[in-house]
Amino acid sequence: MGLLRTILIIALVYYGIKILSRIFAPFLLKYAAKKAEKRFGDQFGQFSKGQKQEPLKKEGEVTIDKIPNTKASNKDVGDYVDYEEID
């Protein structure tokens, strides 16, 4: 009797979640779409504002905003070993 009751409870919970997800899924998707649209709109707004604030540059003028990190190679790592292929 306990096994049958457990299986019945699991089936009811499964079908309950299935029905509720069909009811609430459109609302959740709409909410997620609005949130993503707002996030992308904010990013685009920041991008376009950043473009407007830059001073006009003469054609051919080059500016470097950030110097990339360059790592010096370590010469003490090991020795180069030449090898031959053996057939």
PDB file of N, CA and C in Angstrom:
ATOM      1  N   MET A   1       0.816  -1.187   0.000  1.00  0.00           N
ATOM      2  CA  MET A   1       0.000   0.000   0.000  1.00  0.00           C
ATOM      3  C   MET A   1       0.863   1.256   0.000  1.00  0.00           C
ATOM      4  N   GLY A   2       2.001   1.242   0.719  1.00  0.00           N
ATOM      5  CA  GLY A   2       2.897   2.402   0.810  1.00  0.00           C
ATOM      6  C   GLY A   2       3.567   2.704  -0.520  1.00  0.00           C
ATOM      7  N   LEU A   3       3.924   1.646  -1.268  1.00  0.00           N
ATOM      8  CA  LEU A   3       4.580   1.831  -2.564  1.00  0.00           C
ATOM      9  C   LEU A   3       3.614   2.474  -3.561  1.00  0.00           C
ATOM     10  N   LEU A   4       2.378   1.985  -3.577  1.00  0.00           N
ATOM     11  CA  LEU A   4       1.367   2.533  -4.479  1.00  0.00           C
ATOM     12  C   LEU A   4       1.085   4.006  -4.157  1.00  0.00           C
ATOM     13  N   ARG A   5       1.034   4.330  -2.884  1.00  0.00           N
ATOM     14  CA  ARG A   5       0.786   5.709  -2.460  1.00  0.00           C
ATOM     15  C   ARG A   5       1.946   6.611  -2.880  1.00  0.00           C
ATOM     16  N   THR A   6       3.181   6.139  -2.737  1.00  0.00           N
ATOM     17  CA  THR A   6       4.359   6.909  -3.130  1.00  0.00           C
ATOM     18  C   THR A   6       4.369   7.158  -4.632  1.00  0.00           C
ATOM     19  N   ILE A   7       4.075   6.132  -5.415  1.00  0.00           N
ATOM     20  CA  ILE A   7       4.030   6.281  -6.873  1.00  0.00           C
ATOM     21  C   ILE A   7       2.936   7.255  -7.276  1.00  0.00           C
ATOM     22  N   LEU A   8       1.784   7.214  -6.612  1.00  0.00           N
ATOM     23  CA  LEU A   8       0.689   8.119  -6.902  1.00  0.00           C
ATOM     24  C   LEU A   8       1.070   9.567  -6.576  1.00  0.00           C
ATOM     25  N   ILE A   9       1.750   9.787  -5.469  1.00  0.00           N
ATOM     26  CA  ILE A   9       2.185  11.131  -5.084  1.00  0.00           C
ATOM     27  C   ILE A   9       3.196  11.663  -6.095  1.00  0.00           C
ATOM     28  N   ILE A  10       4.148  10.830  -6.501  1.00  0.00           N
ATOM     29  CA  ILE A  10       5.152  11.245  -7.495  1.00  0.00           C
ATOM     30  C   ILE A  10       4.472  11.605  -8.812  1.00  0.00           C
ATOM     31  N   ALA A  11       3.500  10.802  -9.244  1.00  0.00           N
ATOM     32  CA  ALA A  11       2.794  11.076 -10.499  1.00  0.00           C
ATOM     33  C   ALA A  11       2.005  12.378 -10.401  1.00  0.00           C
ATOM     34  N   LEU A  12       1.329  12.623  -9.275  1.00  0.00           N
ATOM     35  CA  LEU A  12       0.570  13.859  -9.102  1.00  0.00           C
ATOM     36  C   LEU A  12       1.484  15.087  -9.097  1.00  0.00           C
ATOM     37  N   VAL A  13       2.617  14.984  -8.428  1.00  0.00           N
ATOM     38  CA  VAL A  13       3.569  16.094  -8.409  1.00  0.00           C
ATOM     39  C   VAL A  13       4.102  16.349  -9.820  1.00  0.00           C
ATOM     40  N   TYR A  14       4.422  15.288 -10.544  1.00  0.00           N
ATOM     41  CA  TYR A  14       4.946  15.413 -11.911  1.00  0.00           C
ATOM     42  C   TYR A  14       3.932  16.116 -12.813  1.00  0.00           C
ATOM     43  N   TYR A  15       2.687  15.634 -12.802  1.00  0.00           N
ATOM     44  CA  TYR A  15       1.673  16.239 -13.664  1.00  0.00           C
ATOM     45  C   TYR A  15       1.299  17.646 -13.193  1.00  0.00           C
ATOM     46  N   GLY A  16       1.355  17.886 -11.889  1.00  0.00           N
ATOM     47  CA  GLY A  16       1.097  19.235 -11.375  1.00  0.00           C
ATOM     48  C   GLY A  16       2.142  20.227 -11.867  1.00  0.00           C
ATOM     49  N   ILE A  17       3.406  19.831 -11.796  1.00  0.00           N
ATOM     50  CA  ILE A  17       4.480  20.697 -12.292  1.00  0.00           C
ATOM     51  C   ILE A  17       4.349  20.894 -13.795  1.00  0.00           C
ATOM     52  N   LYS A  18       3.970  19.850 -14.510  1.00  0.00           N
ATOM     53  CA  LYS A  18       3.812  19.933 -15.955  1.00  0.00           C
ATOM     54  C   LYS A  18       2.707  20.929 -16.324  1.00  0.00           C
ATOM     55  N   ILE A  19       1.584  20.880 -15.636  1.00  0.00           N
ATOM     56  CA  ILE A  19       0.464  21.789 -15.909  1.00  0.00           C
ATOM     57  C   ILE A  19       0.828  23.218 -15.522  1.00  0.00           C
ATOM     58  N   LEU A  20       1.440  23.393 -14.356  1.00  0.00           N
ATOM     59  CA  LEU A  20       1.819  24.735 -13.916  1.00  0.00           C
ATOM     60  C   LEU A  20       2.875  25.354 -14.829  1.00  0.00           C
ATOM     61  N   SER A  21       3.796  24.533 -15.332  1.00  0.00           N
ATOM     62  CA  SER A  21       4.809  25.081 -16.234  1.00  0.00           C
ATOM     63  C   SER A  21       4.180  25.543 -17.538  1.00  0.00           C
ATOM     64  N   ARG A  22       3.155  24.865 -18.017  1.00  0.00           N
ATOM     65  CA  ARG A  22       2.467  25.310 -19.238  1.00  0.00           C
ATOM     66  C   ARG A  22       1.724  26.612 -19.008  1.00  0.00           C
ATOM     67  N   ILE A  23       1.260  26.825 -17.791  1.00  0.00           N
ATOM     68  CA  ILE A  23       0.537  28.058 -17.491  1.00  0.00           C
ATOM     69  C   ILE A  23       1.507  29.225 -17.312  1.00  0.00           C
ATOM     70  N   PHE A  24       2.588  29.010 -16.550  1.00  0.00           N
ATOM     71  CA  PHE A  24       3.487  30.103 -16.195  1.00  0.00           C
ATOM     72  C   PHE A  24       4.668  30.288 -17.138  1.00  0.00           C
ATOM     73  N   ALA A  25       4.929  29.371 -18.039  1.00  0.00           N
ATOM     74  CA  ALA A  25       6.073  29.484 -18.944  1.00  0.00           C
ATOM     75  C   ALA A  25       6.004  30.740 -19.812  1.00  0.00           C
ATOM     76  N   PRO A  26       4.872  31.086 -20.403  1.00  0.00           N
ATOM     77  CA  PRO A  26       4.853  32.312 -21.218  1.00  0.00           C
ATOM     78  C   PRO A  26       5.187  33.572 -20.418  1.00  0.00           C
ATOM     79  N   PHE A  27       4.724  33.647 -19.173  1.00  0.00           N
ATOM     80  CA  PHE A  27       5.030  34.806 -18.345  1.00  0.00           C
ATOM     81  C   PHE A  27       6.517  34.861 -18.003  1.00  0.00           C
ATOM     82  N   LEU A  28       7.097  33.718 -17.690  1.00  0.00           N
ATOM     83  CA  LEU A  28       8.526  33.678 -17.379  1.00  0.00           C
ATOM     84  C   LEU A  28       9.369  34.039 -18.595  1.00  0.00           C
ATOM     85  N   LEU A  29       8.996  33.534 -19.764  1.00  0.00           N
ATOM     86  CA  LEU A  29       9.744  33.852 -20.978  1.00  0.00           C
ATOM     87  C   LEU A  29       9.621  35.328 -21.326  1.00  0.00           C
ATOM     88  N   LYS A  30       8.429  35.887 -21.149  1.00  0.00           N
ATOM     89  CA  LYS A  30       8.232  37.304 -21.428  1.00  0.00           C
ATOM     90  C   LYS A  30       9.077  38.154 -20.479  1.00  0.00           C
ATOM     91  N   TYR A  31       9.120  37.764 -19.215  1.00  0.00           N
ATOM     92  CA  TYR A  31       9.930  38.481 -18.226  1.00  0.00           C
ATOM     93  C   TYR A  31      11.422  38.402 -18.584  1.00  0.00           C
ATOM     94  N   ALA A  32      11.880  37.212 -18.957  1.00  0.00           N
ATOM     95  CA  ALA A  32      13.286  37.039 -19.317  1.00  0.00           C
ATOM     96  C   ALA A  32      13.621  37.842 -20.571  1.00  0.00           C
ATOM     97  N   ALA A  33      12.715  37.892 -21.547  1.00  0.00           N
ATOM     98  CA  ALA A  33      12.962  38.638 -22.773  1.00  0.00           C
ATOM     99  C   ALA A  33      13.039  40.138 -22.486  1.00  0.00           C
ATOM    100  N   LYS A  34      12.154  40.646 -21.630  1.00  0.00           N
ATOM    101  CA  LYS A  34      12.199  42.068 -21.276  1.00  0.00           C
ATOM    102  C   LYS A  34      13.492  42.413 -20.556  1.00  0.00           C
ATOM    103  N   LYS A  35      13.908  41.536 -19.662  1.00  0.00           N
ATOM    104  CA  LYS A  35      15.135  41.780 -18.909  1.00  0.00           C
ATOM    105  C   LYS A  35      16.356  41.777 -19.831  1.00  0.00           C
ATOM    106  N   ALA A  36      16.405  40.821 -20.768  1.00  0.00           N
ATOM    107  CA  ALA A  36      17.513  40.762 -21.715  1.00  0.00           C
ATOM    108  C   ALA A  36      17.497  41.979 -22.637  1.00  0.00           C
ATOM    109  N   GLU A  37      16.303  42.392 -23.066  1.00  0.00           N
ATOM    110  CA  GLU A  37      16.189  43.570 -23.928  1.00  0.00           C
ATOM    111  C   GLU A  37      16.695  44.819 -23.208  1.00  0.00           C
ATOM    112  N   LYS A  38      16.354  44.948 -21.945  1.00  0.00           N
ATOM    113  CA  LYS A  38      16.811  46.096 -21.165  1.00  0.00           C
ATOM    114  C   LYS A  38      18.330  46.061 -20.999  1.00  0.00           C
ATOM    115  N   ARG A  39      18.870  44.890 -20.704  1.00  0.00           N
ATOM    116  CA  ARG A  39      20.316  44.755 -20.523  1.00  0.00           C
ATOM    117  C   ARG A  39      21.059  45.101 -21.810  1.00  0.00           C
ATOM    118  N   PHE A  40      20.581  44.587 -22.952  1.00  0.00           N
ATOM    119  CA  PHE A  40      21.239  44.874 -24.218  1.00  0.00           C
ATOM    120  C   PHE A  40      21.067  46.338 -24.593  1.00  0.00           C
ATOM    121  N   GLY A  41      19.914  46.911 -24.276  1.00  0.00           N
ATOM    122  CA  GLY A  41      19.692  48.327 -24.543  1.00  0.00           C
ATOM    123  C   GLY A  41      20.618  49.206 -23.725  1.00  0.00           C
ATOM    124  N   ASP A  42      20.838  48.837 -22.471  1.00  0.00           N
ATOM    125  CA  ASP A  42      21.754  49.600 -21.624  1.00  0.00           C
ATOM    126  C   ASP A  42      23.181  49.513 -22.154  1.00  0.00           C
ATOM    127  N   GLN A  43      23.579  48.326 -22.585  1.00  0.00           N
ATOM    128  CA  GLN A  43      24.925  48.172 -23.130  1.00  0.00           C
ATOM    129  C   GLN A  43      25.085  48.987 -24.401  1.00  0.00           C
ATOM    130  N   PHE A  44      24.075  48.972 -25.256  1.00  0.00           N
ATOM    131  CA  PHE A  44      24.152  49.738 -26.492  1.00  0.00           C
ATOM    132  C   PHE A  44      24.155  51.226 -26.184  1.00  0.00           C
ATOM    133  N   GLY A  45      23.380  51.632 -25.193  1.00  0.00           N
ATOM    134  CA  GLY A  45      23.346  53.037 -24.806  1.00  0.00           C
ATOM    135  C   GLY A  45      24.698  53.509 -24.300  1.00  0.00           C
ATOM    136  N   GLN A  46      25.372  52.690 -23.513  1.00  0.00           N
ATOM    137  CA  GLN A  46      26.698  53.037 -23.026  1.00  0.00           C
ATOM    138  C   GLN A  46      27.683  53.086 -24.178  1.00  0.00           C
ATOM    139  N   PHE A  47      27.524  52.184 -25.129  1.00  0.00           N
ATOM    140  CA  PHE A  47      28.433  52.156 -26.269  1.00  0.00           C
ATOM    141  C   PHE A  47      28.257  53.399 -27.121  1.00  0.00           C
ATOM    142  N   SER A  48      27.020  53.764 -27.400  1.00  0.00           N
ATOM    143  CA  SER A  48      26.774  54.924 -28.254  1.00  0.00           C
ATOM    144  C   SER A  48      27.158  56.220 -27.535  1.00  0.00           C
ATOM    145  N   LYS A  49      26.957  56.285 -26.209  1.00  0.00           N
ATOM    146  CA  LYS A  49      27.372  57.466 -25.460  1.00  0.00           C
ATOM    147  C   LYS A  49      28.885  57.605 -25.493  1.00  0.00           C
ATOM    148  N   GLY A  50      29.583  56.476 -25.364  1.00  0.00           N
ATOM    149  CA  GLY A  50      31.043  56.502 -25.400  1.00  0.00           C
ATOM    150  C   GLY A  50      31.552  56.948 -26.753  1.00  0.00           C
ATOM    151  N   GLN A  51      30.861  56.601 -27.806  1.00  0.00           N
ATOM    152  CA  GLN A  51      31.274  57.005 -29.140  1.00  0.00           C
ATOM    153  C   GLN A  51      31.058  58.502 -29.350  1.00  0.00           C
ATOM    154  N   LYS A  52      29.991  59.056 -28.780  1.00  0.00           N
ATOM    155  CA  LYS A  52      29.688  60.469 -28.969  1.00  0.00           C
ATOM    156  C   LYS A  52      30.657  61.353 -28.203  1.00  0.00           C
ATOM    157  N   GLN A  53      31.185  60.874 -27.072  1.00  0.00           N
ATOM    158  CA  GLN A  53      32.031  61.705 -26.227  1.00  0.00           C
ATOM    159  C   GLN A  53      33.467  61.778 -26.726  1.00  0.00           C
ATOM    160  N   GLU A  54      33.857  60.874 -27.622  1.00  0.00           N
ATOM    161  CA  GLU A  54      35.224  60.915 -28.123  1.00  0.00           C
ATOM    162  C   GLU A  54      35.421  62.135 -29.006  1.00  0.00           C
ATOM    163  N   PRO A  55      36.545  62.807 -28.858  1.00  0.00           N
ATOM    164  CA  PRO A  55      36.800  63.950 -29.729  1.00  0.00           C
ATOM    165  C   PRO A  55      37.070  63.455 -31.154  1.00  0.00           C
ATOM    166  N   LEU A  56      36.767  64.311 -32.107  1.00  0.00           N
ATOM    167  CA  LEU A  56      36.997  63.956 -33.498  1.00  0.00           C
ATOM    168  C   LEU A  56      38.489  63.896 -33.762  1.00  0.00           C
ATOM    169  N   LYS A  57      38.921  62.897 -34.490  1.00  0.00           N
ATOM    170  CA  LYS A  57      40.336  62.701 -34.782  1.00  0.00           C
ATOM    171  C   LYS A  57      40.577  63.008 -36.251  1.00  0.00           C
ATOM    172  N   LYS A  58      41.757  63.457 -36.518  1.00  0.00           N
ATOM    173  CA  LYS A  58      42.130  63.705 -37.901  1.00  0.00           C
ATOM    174  C   LYS A  58      42.341  62.371 -38.597  1.00  0.00           C
ATOM    175  N   GLU A  59      42.123  62.358 -39.880  1.00  0.00           N
ATOM    176  CA  GLU A  59      42.288  61.132 -40.645  1.00  0.00           C
ATOM    177  C   GLU A  59      43.754  60.723 -40.630  1.00  0.00           C
ATOM    178  N   GLY A  60      44.007  59.456 -40.308  1.00  0.00           N
ATOM    179  CA  GLY A  60      45.365  58.931 -40.260  1.00  0.00           C
ATOM    180  C   GLY A  60      46.016  59.047 -38.897  1.00  0.00           C
ATOM    181  N   GLU A  61      45.376  59.705 -37.949  1.00  0.00           N
ATOM    182  CA  GLU A  61      45.940  59.844 -36.606  1.00  0.00           C
ATOM    183  C   GLU A  61      45.718  58.547 -35.832  1.00  0.00           C
ATOM    184  N   VAL A  62      46.745  58.088 -35.144  1.00  0.00           N
ATOM    185  CA  VAL A  62      46.674  56.831 -34.413  1.00  0.00           C
ATOM    186  C   VAL A  62      46.839  57.116 -32.926  1.00  0.00           C
ATOM    187  N   THR A  63      45.955  56.541 -32.113  1.00  0.00           N
ATOM    188  CA  THR A  63      46.094  56.651 -30.667  1.00  0.00           C
ATOM    189  C   THR A  63      46.025  55.260 -30.062  1.00  0.00           C
ATOM    190  N   ILE A  64      46.787  55.038 -29.001  1.00  0.00           N
ATOM    191  CA  ILE A  64      46.793  53.766 -28.295  1.00  0.00           C
ATOM    192  C   ILE A  64      46.205  54.014 -26.921  1.00  0.00           C
ATOM    193  N   ASP A  65      45.056  53.366 -26.654  1.00  0.00           N
ATOM    194  CA  ASP A  65      44.388  53.554 -25.374  1.00  0.00           C
ATOM    195  C   ASP A  65      45.019  52.729 -24.266  1.00  0.00           C
ATOM    196  N   LYS A  66      45.477  51.523 -24.596  1.00  0.00           N
ATOM    197  CA  LYS A  66      45.997  50.628 -23.575  1.00  0.00           C
ATOM    198  C   LYS A  66      47.208  49.897 -24.136  1.00  0.00           C
ATOM    199  N   ILE A  67      48.240  49.825 -23.355  1.00  0.00           N
ATOM    200  CA  ILE A  67      49.429  49.095 -23.772  1.00  0.00           C
ATOM    201  C   ILE A  67      49.247  47.644 -23.324  1.00  0.00           C
ATOM    202  N   PRO A  68      49.343  46.694 -24.260  1.00  0.00           N
ATOM    203  CA  PRO A  68      49.139  45.294 -23.876  1.00  0.00           C
ATOM    204  C   PRO A  68      50.255  44.800 -22.976  1.00  0.00           C
ATOM    205  N   ASN A  69      49.902  43.867 -22.106  1.00  0.00           N
ATOM    206  CA  ASN A  69      50.899  43.268 -21.218  1.00  0.00           C
ATOM    207  C   ASN A  69      51.799  42.353 -22.028  1.00  0.00           C
ATOM    208  N   THR A  70      53.079  42.615 -21.986  1.00  0.00           N
ATOM    209  CA  THR A  70      54.031  41.761 -22.698  1.00  0.00           C
ATOM    210  C   THR A  70      54.817  40.977 -21.661  1.00  0.00           C
ATOM    211  N   LYS A  71      54.899  39.706 -21.883  1.00  0.00           N
ATOM    212  CA  LYS A  71      55.643  38.850 -20.966  1.00  0.00           C
ATOM    213  C   LYS A  71      57.002  38.543 -21.581  1.00  0.00           C
ATOM    214  N   ALA A  72      58.039  38.754 -20.817  1.00  0.00           N
ATOM    215  CA  ALA A  72      59.380  38.443 -21.291  1.00  0.00           C
ATOM    216  C   ALA A  72      59.584  36.932 -21.208  1.00  0.00           C
ATOM    217  N   SER A  73      60.182  36.386 -22.248  1.00  0.00           N
ATOM    218  CA  SER A  73      60.408  34.938 -22.234  1.00  0.00           C
ATOM    219  C   SER A  73      61.522  34.602 -21.259  1.00  0.00           C
ATOM    220  N   ASN A  74      61.395  33.477 -20.632  1.00  0.00           N
ATOM    221  CA  ASN A  74      62.374  33.026 -19.659  1.00  0.00           C
ATOM    222  C   ASN A  74      63.377  32.133 -20.381  1.00  0.00           C
ATOM    223  N   LYS A  75      64.613  32.567 -20.460  1.00  0.00           N
ATOM    224  CA  LYS A  75      65.650  31.815 -21.176  1.00  0.00           C
ATOM    225  C   LYS A  75      66.171  30.636 -20.362  1.00  0.00           C
ATOM    226  N   ASP A  76      65.866  30.572 -19.088  1.00  0.00           N
ATOM    227  CA  ASP A  76      66.375  29.511 -18.227  1.00  0.00           C
ATOM    228  C   ASP A  76      65.439  28.306 -18.169  1.00  0.00           C
ATOM    229  N   VAL A  77      64.492  28.212 -19.080  1.00  0.00           N
ATOM    230  CA  VAL A  77      63.497  27.153 -19.016  1.00  0.00           C
ATOM    231  C   VAL A  77      64.112  25.808 -19.370  1.00  0.00           C
ATOM    232  N   GLY A  78      64.913  25.745 -20.399  1.00  0.00           N
ATOM    233  CA  GLY A  78      65.499  24.472 -20.783  1.00  0.00           C
ATOM    234  C   GLY A  78      66.340  24.630 -22.032  1.00  0.00           C
ATOM    235  N   ASP A  79      66.868  23.522 -22.500  1.00  0.00           N
ATOM    236  CA  ASP A  79      67.715  23.541 -23.687  1.00  0.00           C
ATOM    237  C   ASP A  79      66.937  23.027 -24.883  1.00  0.00           C
ATOM    238  N   TYR A  80      67.311  23.514 -26.062  1.00  0.00           N
ATOM    239  CA  TYR A  80      66.715  23.038 -27.292  1.00  0.00           C
ATOM    240  C   TYR A  80      67.425  21.751 -27.689  1.00  0.00           C
ATOM    241  N   VAL A  81      66.651  20.719 -27.980  1.00  0.00           N
ATOM    242  CA  VAL A  81      67.225  19.441 -28.371  1.00  0.00           C
ATOM    243  C   VAL A  81      66.801  19.149 -29.807  1.00  0.00           C
ATOM    244  N   ASP A  82      67.792  19.028 -30.680  1.00  0.00           N
ATOM    245  CA  ASP A  82      67.518  18.704 -32.068  1.00  0.00           C
ATOM    246  C   ASP A  82      67.300  17.205 -32.165  1.00  0.00           C
ATOM    247  N   TYR A  83      66.379  16.792 -33.003  1.00  0.00           N
ATOM    248  CA  TYR A  83      66.063  15.378 -33.100  1.00  0.00           C
ATOM    249  C   TYR A  83      65.952  14.970 -34.564  1.00  0.00           C
ATOM    250  N   GLU A  84      66.096  13.687 -34.806  1.00  0.00           N
ATOM    251  CA  GLU A  84      65.958  13.143 -36.142  1.00  0.00           C
ATOM    252  C   GLU A  84      64.840  12.115 -36.107  1.00  0.00           C
ATOM    253  N   GLU A  85      64.088  12.043 -37.216  1.00  0.00           N
ATOM    254  CA  GLU A  85      63.040  11.036 -37.294  1.00  0.00           C
ATOM    255  C   GLU A  85      63.655   9.716 -37.714  1.00  0.00           C
ATOM    256  N   ILE A  86      63.196   8.652 -37.072  1.00  0.00           N
ATOM    257  CA  ILE A  86      63.680   7.322 -37.386  1.00  0.00           C
ATOM    258  C   ILE A  86      62.545   6.564 -38.049  1.00  0.00           C
ATOM    259  N   ASP A  87      62.851   5.989 -39.235  1.00  0.00           N
ATOM    260  CA  ASP A  87      61.814   5.240 -39.961  1.00  0.00           C
ATOM    261  C   ASP A  87      61.738   3.824 -39.489  1.00  0.00           C
TER     262      ASP A  87
END
